[in-house]
């Protein structure tokens, strides 16, 4: 499985230029080799594809790293890793880049935070702990899916703007090319407002 950068694009037309940077999962060399099927023996939705990194969102990126470190970890290792996730999970909403700050992403972040709180509540029952871990993993996966949707919407809008500009440049309409591009880019402002 190779790391793929879905996109690294500069988004114009927003209050400031934002780097839209999303990347997919790749295990570190020598770590997590083989098929990714579960976390601690529980079948779940943790997939080997999709968004696991977002530019300028360190808390999410660190959470992603911790989630994948859970693969194959013992219960003791899992509890240590889970305890290290707290700060990043609780900072997700406060550190979220504006371009992914949609209602759906905010809801998924709140769900991840809720499931984490349930997971770290004092539990002596291993089965209950593992069920809560599975719920956290599923909510994390939902967040990744929503991030992918937002990222793809940005990419499609930017591609459309570039296509409009290219068409006009080929016709020699330089001013119209910039106008068309600016009009299309203006749509980027509405992605987080509409969602």
Protein backbone atom coordinates (compact mmCIF):
# COMPACT_ATOMS: atom_id res chain seq x y z
CA UNK A 1 0.00 0.00 0.00
CA UNK A 2 1.57 3.29 -1.03
CA UNK A 3 1.01 6.67 0.44
CA UNK A 4 -0.89 8.89 -1.89
CA UNK A 5 -1.38 12.54 -1.53
CA UNK A 6 -4.97 13.08 -2.58
CA UNK A 7 -4.22 16.69 -3.12
CA UNK A 8 -2.02 19.54 -2.16
CA UNK A 9 -3.66 22.63 -3.50
CA UNK A 10 -3.68 26.31 -2.73
CA UNK A 11 -7.19 27.59 -2.26
CA UNK A 12 -7.69 31.19 -3.32
CA UNK A 13 -10.77 33.25 -2.61
CA UNK A 14 -10.97 32.47 1.10
CA UNK A 15 -10.10 34.97 3.80
CA UNK A 16 -6.53 33.76 3.43
CA UNK A 17 -4.81 31.11 1.40
CA UNK A 18 -5.26 27.70 2.96
CA UNK A 19 -3.32 24.59 2.07
CA UNK A 20 -5.73 21.77 1.41
CA UNK A 21 -3.61 18.78 2.16
CA UNK A 22 -5.04 15.34 2.77
CA UNK A 23 -3.19 12.09 2.68
CA UNK A 24 -3.98 8.43 2.87
CA UNK A 25 -2.72 5.77 5.23
CA UNK A 26 0.58 3.97 4.80
CA UNK A 27 2.05 1.84 7.56
CA UNK A 28 5.56 2.70 8.65
CA UNK A 29 8.24 0.39 7.23
CA UNK A 30 8.36 -2.75 9.34
CA UNK A 31 5.23 -1.80 11.29
CA UNK A 32 1.68 -3.06 10.83
CA UNK A 33 2.59 -5.33 7.94
CA UNK A 34 -0.05 -7.59 6.49
CA UNK A 35 -3.76 -7.21 6.10
CA UNK A 36 -5.41 -4.68 8.34
CA UNK A 37 -8.49 -6.39 9.68
CA UNK A 38 -9.03 -5.40 13.26
CA UNK A 39 -7.98 -3.52 16.35
CA UNK A 40 -7.18 -5.80 19.28
CA UNK A 41 -8.99 -8.75 17.74
CA UNK A 42 -12.30 -6.93 17.27
CA UNK A 43 -13.59 -6.61 13.73
CA UNK A 44 -14.26 -2.96 13.00
CA UNK A 45 -14.38 -0.28 10.33
CA UNK A 46 -10.74 0.80 10.52
CA UNK A 47 -9.86 0.71 6.85
CA UNK A 48 -6.57 0.93 5.02
CA UNK A 49 -7.70 3.73 2.76
CA UNK A 50 -9.04 7.23 3.13
CA UNK A 51 -8.04 10.42 4.87
CA UNK A 52 -5.73 10.03 7.86
CA UNK A 53 -3.85 13.31 7.64
CA UNK A 54 -5.00 16.89 7.20
CA UNK A 55 -2.61 19.80 6.78
CA UNK A 56 -2.48 22.09 9.83
CA UNK A 57 -4.60 19.76 11.99
CA UNK A 58 -2.01 18.20 14.26
CA UNK A 59 -4.50 16.84 16.78
CA UNK A 60 -6.30 14.83 14.08
CA UNK A 61 -3.03 13.63 12.55
CA UNK A 62 -1.74 12.47 15.94
CA UNK A 63 -5.04 10.74 16.66
CA UNK A 64 -4.74 8.90 13.33
CA UNK A 65 -1.26 7.75 14.27
CA UNK A 66 -2.49 6.48 17.64
CA UNK A 67 -5.44 4.66 16.05
CA UNK A 68 -3.15 2.73 13.76
CA UNK A 69 -0.70 1.96 16.55
CA UNK A 70 -3.55 0.08 18.24
CA UNK A 71 -3.36 -2.61 15.55
CA UNK A 72 -2.15 -5.78 17.16
CA UNK A 73 -1.52 -4.11 20.52
CA UNK A 74 -2.10 -6.02 23.75
CA UNK A 75 -4.78 -4.81 26.15
CA UNK A 76 -2.11 -3.21 28.35
CA UNK A 77 -0.53 -1.43 25.36
CA UNK A 78 -3.98 -0.38 24.19
CA UNK A 79 -4.79 1.27 27.51
CA UNK A 80 -1.50 3.18 27.42
CA UNK A 81 -2.17 4.37 23.87
CA UNK A 82 -5.77 5.29 24.68
CA UNK A 83 -4.59 7.40 27.61
CA UNK A 84 -2.28 9.30 25.23
CA UNK A 85 -5.15 10.10 22.84
CA UNK A 86 -7.09 12.27 25.27
CA UNK A 87 -5.50 15.65 24.68
CA UNK A 88 -5.64 15.34 20.90
CA UNK A 89 -9.23 14.11 20.88
CA UNK A 90 -10.41 16.93 23.13
CA UNK A 91 -8.57 19.51 20.98
CA UNK A 92 -10.04 18.32 17.67
CA UNK A 93 -12.81 20.92 17.58
CA UNK A 94 -10.60 23.79 18.78
CA UNK A 95 -7.80 23.14 16.27
CA UNK A 96 -9.85 22.22 13.19
CA UNK A 97 -8.79 24.09 10.02
CA UNK A 98 -11.52 26.38 8.71
CA UNK A 99 -11.78 24.62 5.36
CA UNK A 100 -12.97 21.37 6.99
CA UNK A 101 -15.13 23.09 9.60
CA UNK A 102 -18.48 21.82 8.35
CA UNK A 103 -21.49 20.85 10.42
CA UNK A 104 -20.97 17.17 9.57
CA UNK A 105 -17.28 17.22 10.54
CA UNK A 106 -18.13 19.02 13.80
CA UNK A 107 -20.78 16.36 14.56
CA UNK A 108 -18.30 13.56 13.85
CA UNK A 109 -15.70 15.23 16.08
CA UNK A 110 -18.28 15.47 18.88
CA UNK A 111 -19.11 11.77 18.42
CA UNK A 112 -15.41 10.82 18.62
CA UNK A 113 -15.08 12.88 21.82
CA UNK A 114 -18.20 11.29 23.32
CA UNK A 115 -17.02 7.76 22.55
CA UNK A 116 -13.59 8.53 23.99
CA UNK A 117 -15.12 9.74 27.25
CA UNK A 118 -17.13 6.52 27.47
CA UNK A 119 -14.01 4.47 26.75
CA UNK A 120 -11.92 6.07 29.49
CA UNK A 121 -14.66 5.90 32.12
CA UNK A 122 -13.60 3.53 34.87
CA UNK A 123 -14.25 0.00 33.67
CA UNK A 124 -13.27 -3.32 35.10
CA UNK A 125 -15.03 -5.38 32.44
CA UNK A 126 -12.69 -6.19 29.53
CA UNK A 127 -15.58 -6.91 27.15
CA UNK A 128 -17.22 -3.55 27.83
CA UNK A 129 -13.89 -1.78 27.35
CA UNK A 130 -13.34 -3.52 24.00
CA UNK A 131 -16.88 -2.66 22.85
CA UNK A 132 -16.25 1.00 23.69
CA UNK A 133 -12.94 0.84 21.81
CA UNK A 134 -14.80 -0.52 18.80
CA UNK A 135 -17.31 2.35 19.03
CA UNK A 136 -14.47 4.89 19.16
CA UNK A 137 -12.88 3.27 16.11
CA UNK A 138 -16.16 3.40 14.19
CA UNK A 139 -16.63 7.09 15.02
CA UNK A 140 -13.07 7.83 13.96
CA UNK A 141 -13.80 6.07 10.65
CA UNK A 142 -16.95 8.18 10.19
CA UNK A 143 -14.86 11.31 10.72
CA UNK A 144 -12.35 10.13 8.10
CA UNK A 145 -15.15 9.50 5.60
CA UNK A 146 -16.60 12.98 6.10
CA UNK A 147 -13.15 14.54 5.73
CA UNK A 148 -12.76 12.70 2.45
CA UNK A 149 -16.08 14.11 1.19
CA UNK A 150 -15.09 17.68 2.10
CA UNK A 151 -11.64 17.26 0.55
CA UNK A 152 -13.08 15.83 -2.68
CA UNK A 153 -15.55 18.73 -2.90
CA UNK A 154 -12.66 21.20 -2.64
CA UNK A 155 -10.66 19.31 -5.24
CA UNK A 156 -13.59 19.16 -7.68
CA UNK A 157 -14.28 22.88 -7.28
CA UNK A 158 -10.64 23.76 -7.85
CA UNK A 159 -10.41 21.47 -10.87
CA UNK A 160 -13.51 23.11 -12.34
CA UNK A 161 -12.01 26.57 -11.77
CA UNK A 162 -8.77 25.55 -13.45
CA UNK A 163 -10.65 24.04 -16.39
CA UNK A 164 -12.68 27.25 -16.87
CA UNK A 165 -9.48 29.29 -16.78
CA UNK A 166 -7.70 26.97 -19.21
CA UNK A 167 -10.59 27.12 -21.70
CA UNK A 168 -10.55 30.91 -21.69
CA UNK A 169 -6.74 31.12 -21.91
CA UNK A 170 -6.77 28.86 -24.97
CA UNK A 171 -9.21 31.31 -26.57
CA UNK A 172 -6.90 34.21 -25.72
CA UNK A 173 -9.37 35.76 -23.26
CA UNK A 174 -6.97 36.52 -20.42
CA UNK A 175 -9.25 38.83 -18.43
CA UNK A 176 -12.22 36.53 -18.85
CA UNK A 177 -10.03 33.59 -17.81
CA UNK A 178 -9.27 35.26 -14.49
CA UNK A 179 -12.91 36.30 -14.01
CA UNK A 180 -14.14 32.74 -14.61
CA UNK A 181 -11.48 31.36 -12.29
CA UNK A 182 -12.35 33.84 -9.53
CA UNK A 183 -16.06 33.07 -9.90
CA UNK A 184 -15.45 29.32 -9.55
CA UNK A 185 -13.02 29.78 -6.64
CA UNK A 186 -15.62 31.89 -4.84
CA UNK A 187 -17.60 28.63 -4.49
CA UNK A 188 -14.92 27.36 -2.09
CA UNK A 189 -16.10 29.88 0.48
CA UNK A 190 -19.49 28.19 0.54
CA UNK A 191 -18.39 24.61 1.12
CA UNK A 192 -17.98 24.94 4.88
CA UNK A 193 -20.90 27.39 5.09
CA UNK A 194 -23.31 25.03 3.34
CA UNK A 195 -22.39 21.85 5.17
